[in-house]
């Protein structure tokens, strides 16, 4: 999958929420995964890209999956 014209960064409150939400969006959306990993104080960051519609759908899926565990997107 090519990176595409849209890019998103999703910041999760904890690693477990980030892993499960990232796994869910990668299985359901036609997006390009750029990078994921833990950042300061146990937070988890996921970077992804693709077409604007695919990235928007992936971010919405993360928000519905992780809810309040998403700090920023």
N, C-alpha and C. Protein backbone atom coordinates (compact mmCIF):
# COMPACT_ATOMS: atom_id res chain seq x y z
N UNK A 1 0.85 -1.17 0.00
CA UNK A 1 0.00 0.00 0.00
C UNK A 1 0.89 1.23 0.00
N UNK A 2 0.62 2.14 -0.89
CA UNK A 2 1.37 3.39 -0.96
C UNK A 2 0.93 4.34 0.14
N UNK A 3 1.82 5.22 0.53
CA UNK A 3 1.52 6.13 1.62
C UNK A 3 0.33 7.03 1.31
N UNK A 4 0.24 7.59 0.13
CA UNK A 4 -0.90 8.41 -0.25
C UNK A 4 -0.78 9.85 0.19
N UNK A 5 -1.80 10.66 -0.13
CA UNK A 5 -1.75 12.09 0.15
C UNK A 5 -2.15 12.47 1.57
N UNK A 6 -2.69 11.56 2.34
CA UNK A 6 -3.13 11.89 3.71
C UNK A 6 -2.27 11.17 4.73
N UNK A 7 -2.02 11.83 5.85
CA UNK A 7 -1.21 11.28 6.93
C UNK A 7 -1.91 11.56 8.25
N UNK A 8 -1.88 10.60 9.17
CA UNK A 8 -2.51 10.79 10.48
C UNK A 8 -1.58 10.30 11.57
N UNK A 9 -1.64 10.96 12.70
CA UNK A 9 -0.93 10.54 13.90
C UNK A 9 -1.97 10.41 15.01
N UNK A 10 -1.96 9.28 15.68
CA UNK A 10 -2.92 9.02 16.75
C UNK A 10 -2.13 8.74 18.02
N UNK A 11 -2.39 9.49 19.07
CA UNK A 11 -1.68 9.38 20.33
C UNK A 11 -2.61 8.73 21.36
N UNK A 12 -2.18 7.60 21.92
CA UNK A 12 -2.98 6.86 22.88
C UNK A 12 -2.45 7.05 24.29
N UNK A 13 -3.33 6.94 25.26
CA UNK A 13 -2.98 7.12 26.66
C UNK A 13 -2.08 6.01 27.18
N UNK A 14 -2.26 4.79 26.68
CA UNK A 14 -1.44 3.67 27.14
C UNK A 14 -1.11 2.73 25.98
N UNK A 15 -0.14 1.88 26.22
CA UNK A 15 0.35 1.00 25.17
C UNK A 15 -0.69 -0.04 24.77
N UNK A 16 -1.37 -0.62 25.74
CA UNK A 16 -2.35 -1.67 25.43
C UNK A 16 -3.48 -1.15 24.53
N UNK A 17 -4.01 0.02 24.83
CA UNK A 17 -5.06 0.60 24.01
C UNK A 17 -4.55 0.90 22.60
N UNK A 18 -3.33 1.42 22.53
CA UNK A 18 -2.73 1.72 21.24
C UNK A 18 -2.52 0.49 20.38
N UNK A 19 -2.06 -0.58 20.99
CA UNK A 19 -1.83 -1.82 20.25
C UNK A 19 -3.13 -2.41 19.71
N UNK A 20 -4.14 -2.49 20.56
CA UNK A 20 -5.40 -3.10 20.11
C UNK A 20 -6.10 -2.25 19.05
N UNK A 21 -6.10 -0.93 19.23
CA UNK A 21 -6.74 -0.06 18.24
C UNK A 21 -5.97 -0.06 16.92
N UNK A 22 -4.65 -0.04 16.98
CA UNK A 22 -3.84 -0.07 15.76
C UNK A 22 -4.04 -1.39 15.03
N UNK A 23 -4.07 -2.49 15.76
CA UNK A 23 -4.31 -3.79 15.14
C UNK A 23 -5.67 -3.81 14.45
N UNK A 24 -6.67 -3.26 15.09
CA UNK A 24 -8.01 -3.22 14.53
C UNK A 24 -8.07 -2.41 13.24
N UNK A 25 -7.46 -1.23 13.24
CA UNK A 25 -7.54 -0.39 12.04
C UNK A 25 -6.71 -0.96 10.89
N UNK A 26 -5.59 -1.61 11.19
CA UNK A 26 -4.79 -2.21 10.13
C UNK A 26 -5.51 -3.38 9.44
N UNK A 27 -6.31 -4.10 10.20
CA UNK A 27 -7.06 -5.22 9.65
C UNK A 27 -8.28 -4.78 8.85
N UNK A 28 -8.82 -3.60 9.17
CA UNK A 28 -10.08 -3.17 8.57
C UNK A 28 -9.95 -2.10 7.49
N UNK A 29 -8.85 -1.37 7.45
CA UNK A 29 -8.74 -0.23 6.54
C UNK A 29 -7.60 -0.42 5.55
N UNK A 30 -7.79 0.02 4.31
CA UNK A 30 -6.71 -0.07 3.30
C UNK A 30 -5.75 1.11 3.44
N UNK A 31 -4.94 1.08 4.47
CA UNK A 31 -4.02 2.17 4.75
C UNK A 31 -2.59 1.67 4.76
N UNK A 32 -1.66 2.60 4.71
CA UNK A 32 -0.24 2.28 4.82
C UNK A 32 0.21 2.59 6.24
N UNK A 33 0.71 1.59 6.93
CA UNK A 33 1.23 1.78 8.27
C UNK A 33 2.62 2.37 8.14
N UNK A 34 2.88 3.47 8.83
CA UNK A 34 4.19 4.13 8.78
C UNK A 34 5.04 3.68 9.96
N UNK A 35 4.51 3.87 11.16
CA UNK A 35 5.27 3.49 12.36
C UNK A 35 4.37 3.54 13.58
N UNK A 36 4.64 2.68 14.54
CA UNK A 36 3.97 2.68 15.83
C UNK A 36 5.01 2.41 16.90
N UNK A 37 4.76 2.92 18.09
CA UNK A 37 5.67 2.63 19.18
C UNK A 37 5.33 3.40 20.43
N UNK A 38 5.99 3.01 21.50
CA UNK A 38 5.76 3.70 22.76
C UNK A 38 6.56 5.00 22.78
N UNK A 39 6.00 5.98 23.43
CA UNK A 39 6.65 7.27 23.61
C UNK A 39 6.65 7.57 25.11
N UNK A 40 6.96 8.75 25.50
CA UNK A 40 7.16 9.08 26.91
C UNK A 40 5.99 8.68 27.81
N UNK A 41 6.34 8.25 29.00
CA UNK A 41 5.40 7.90 30.07
C UNK A 41 4.36 6.87 29.68
N UNK A 42 4.73 5.89 28.87
CA UNK A 42 3.83 4.79 28.55
C UNK A 42 2.81 5.06 27.48
N UNK A 43 2.87 6.21 26.85
CA UNK A 43 1.93 6.51 25.77
C UNK A 43 2.34 5.76 24.51
N UNK A 44 1.42 5.66 23.55
CA UNK A 44 1.64 4.92 22.32
C UNK A 44 1.23 5.80 21.14
N UNK A 45 2.07 5.85 20.13
CA UNK A 45 1.82 6.70 18.97
C UNK A 45 1.77 5.85 17.71
N UNK A 46 0.78 6.06 16.86
CA UNK A 46 0.66 5.37 15.59
C UNK A 46 0.62 6.40 14.47
N UNK A 47 1.43 6.18 13.44
CA UNK A 47 1.44 7.02 12.24
C UNK A 47 0.98 6.18 11.07
N UNK A 48 0.07 6.71 10.27
CA UNK A 48 -0.45 5.98 9.13
C UNK A 48 -0.77 6.93 7.99
N UNK A 49 -0.87 6.39 6.80
CA UNK A 49 -1.16 7.21 5.64
C UNK A 49 -2.00 6.45 4.64
N UNK A 50 -2.45 7.15 3.61
CA UNK A 50 -3.28 6.56 2.57
C UNK A 50 -4.14 7.62 1.92
N UNK A 51 -5.20 7.19 1.29
CA UNK A 51 -6.12 8.15 0.70
C UNK A 51 -6.86 8.87 1.83
N UNK A 52 -7.34 10.08 1.59
CA UNK A 52 -8.05 10.80 2.65
C UNK A 52 -9.23 10.01 3.24
N UNK A 53 -10.00 9.35 2.40
CA UNK A 53 -11.15 8.59 2.90
C UNK A 53 -10.71 7.41 3.76
N UNK A 54 -9.66 6.71 3.35
CA UNK A 54 -9.18 5.56 4.11
C UNK A 54 -8.59 5.99 5.45
N UNK A 55 -7.85 7.09 5.46
CA UNK A 55 -7.26 7.57 6.70
C UNK A 55 -8.35 8.06 7.65
N UNK A 56 -9.32 8.76 7.13
CA UNK A 56 -10.43 9.22 7.97
C UNK A 56 -11.19 8.05 8.57
N UNK A 57 -11.44 7.01 7.78
CA UNK A 57 -12.13 5.83 8.29
C UNK A 57 -11.29 5.12 9.35
N UNK A 58 -9.99 5.07 9.16
CA UNK A 58 -9.11 4.43 10.13
C UNK A 58 -9.10 5.19 11.45
N UNK A 59 -9.04 6.51 11.38
CA UNK A 59 -9.05 7.33 12.60
C UNK A 59 -10.39 7.16 13.33
N UNK A 60 -11.48 7.15 12.61
CA UNK A 60 -12.80 6.94 13.22
C UNK A 60 -12.87 5.57 13.89
N UNK A 61 -12.29 4.57 13.26
CA UNK A 61 -12.29 3.23 13.85
C UNK A 61 -11.49 3.23 15.15
N UNK A 62 -10.36 3.93 15.16
CA UNK A 62 -9.56 4.04 16.39
C UNK A 62 -10.34 4.73 17.49
N UNK A 63 -11.01 5.81 17.13
CA UNK A 63 -11.79 6.55 18.13
C UNK A 63 -12.92 5.70 18.70
N UNK A 64 -13.55 4.89 17.85
CA UNK A 64 -14.63 4.05 18.36
C UNK A 64 -14.08 2.88 19.16
N UNK A 65 -12.90 2.41 18.82
CA UNK A 65 -12.30 1.27 19.52
C UNK A 65 -11.67 1.70 20.86
N UNK A 66 -10.93 2.80 20.86
CA UNK A 66 -10.18 3.20 22.05
C UNK A 66 -10.90 4.27 22.87
N UNK A 67 -11.81 5.01 22.26
CA UNK A 67 -12.60 6.01 22.98
C UNK A 67 -11.77 7.05 23.71
N UNK A 68 -11.98 7.12 25.01
CA UNK A 68 -11.30 8.12 25.84
C UNK A 68 -9.81 7.85 26.01
N UNK A 69 -9.35 6.69 25.55
CA UNK A 69 -7.92 6.36 25.66
C UNK A 69 -7.10 7.04 24.57
N UNK A 70 -7.76 7.72 23.62
CA UNK A 70 -7.05 8.49 22.60
C UNK A 70 -6.83 9.90 23.15
N UNK A 71 -5.57 10.30 23.24
CA UNK A 71 -5.26 11.64 23.75
C UNK A 71 -5.41 12.70 22.67
N UNK A 72 -4.95 12.38 21.45
CA UNK A 72 -4.99 13.35 20.37
C UNK A 72 -4.95 12.62 19.04
N UNK A 73 -5.50 13.27 18.02
CA UNK A 73 -5.45 12.70 16.67
C UNK A 73 -5.51 13.82 15.64
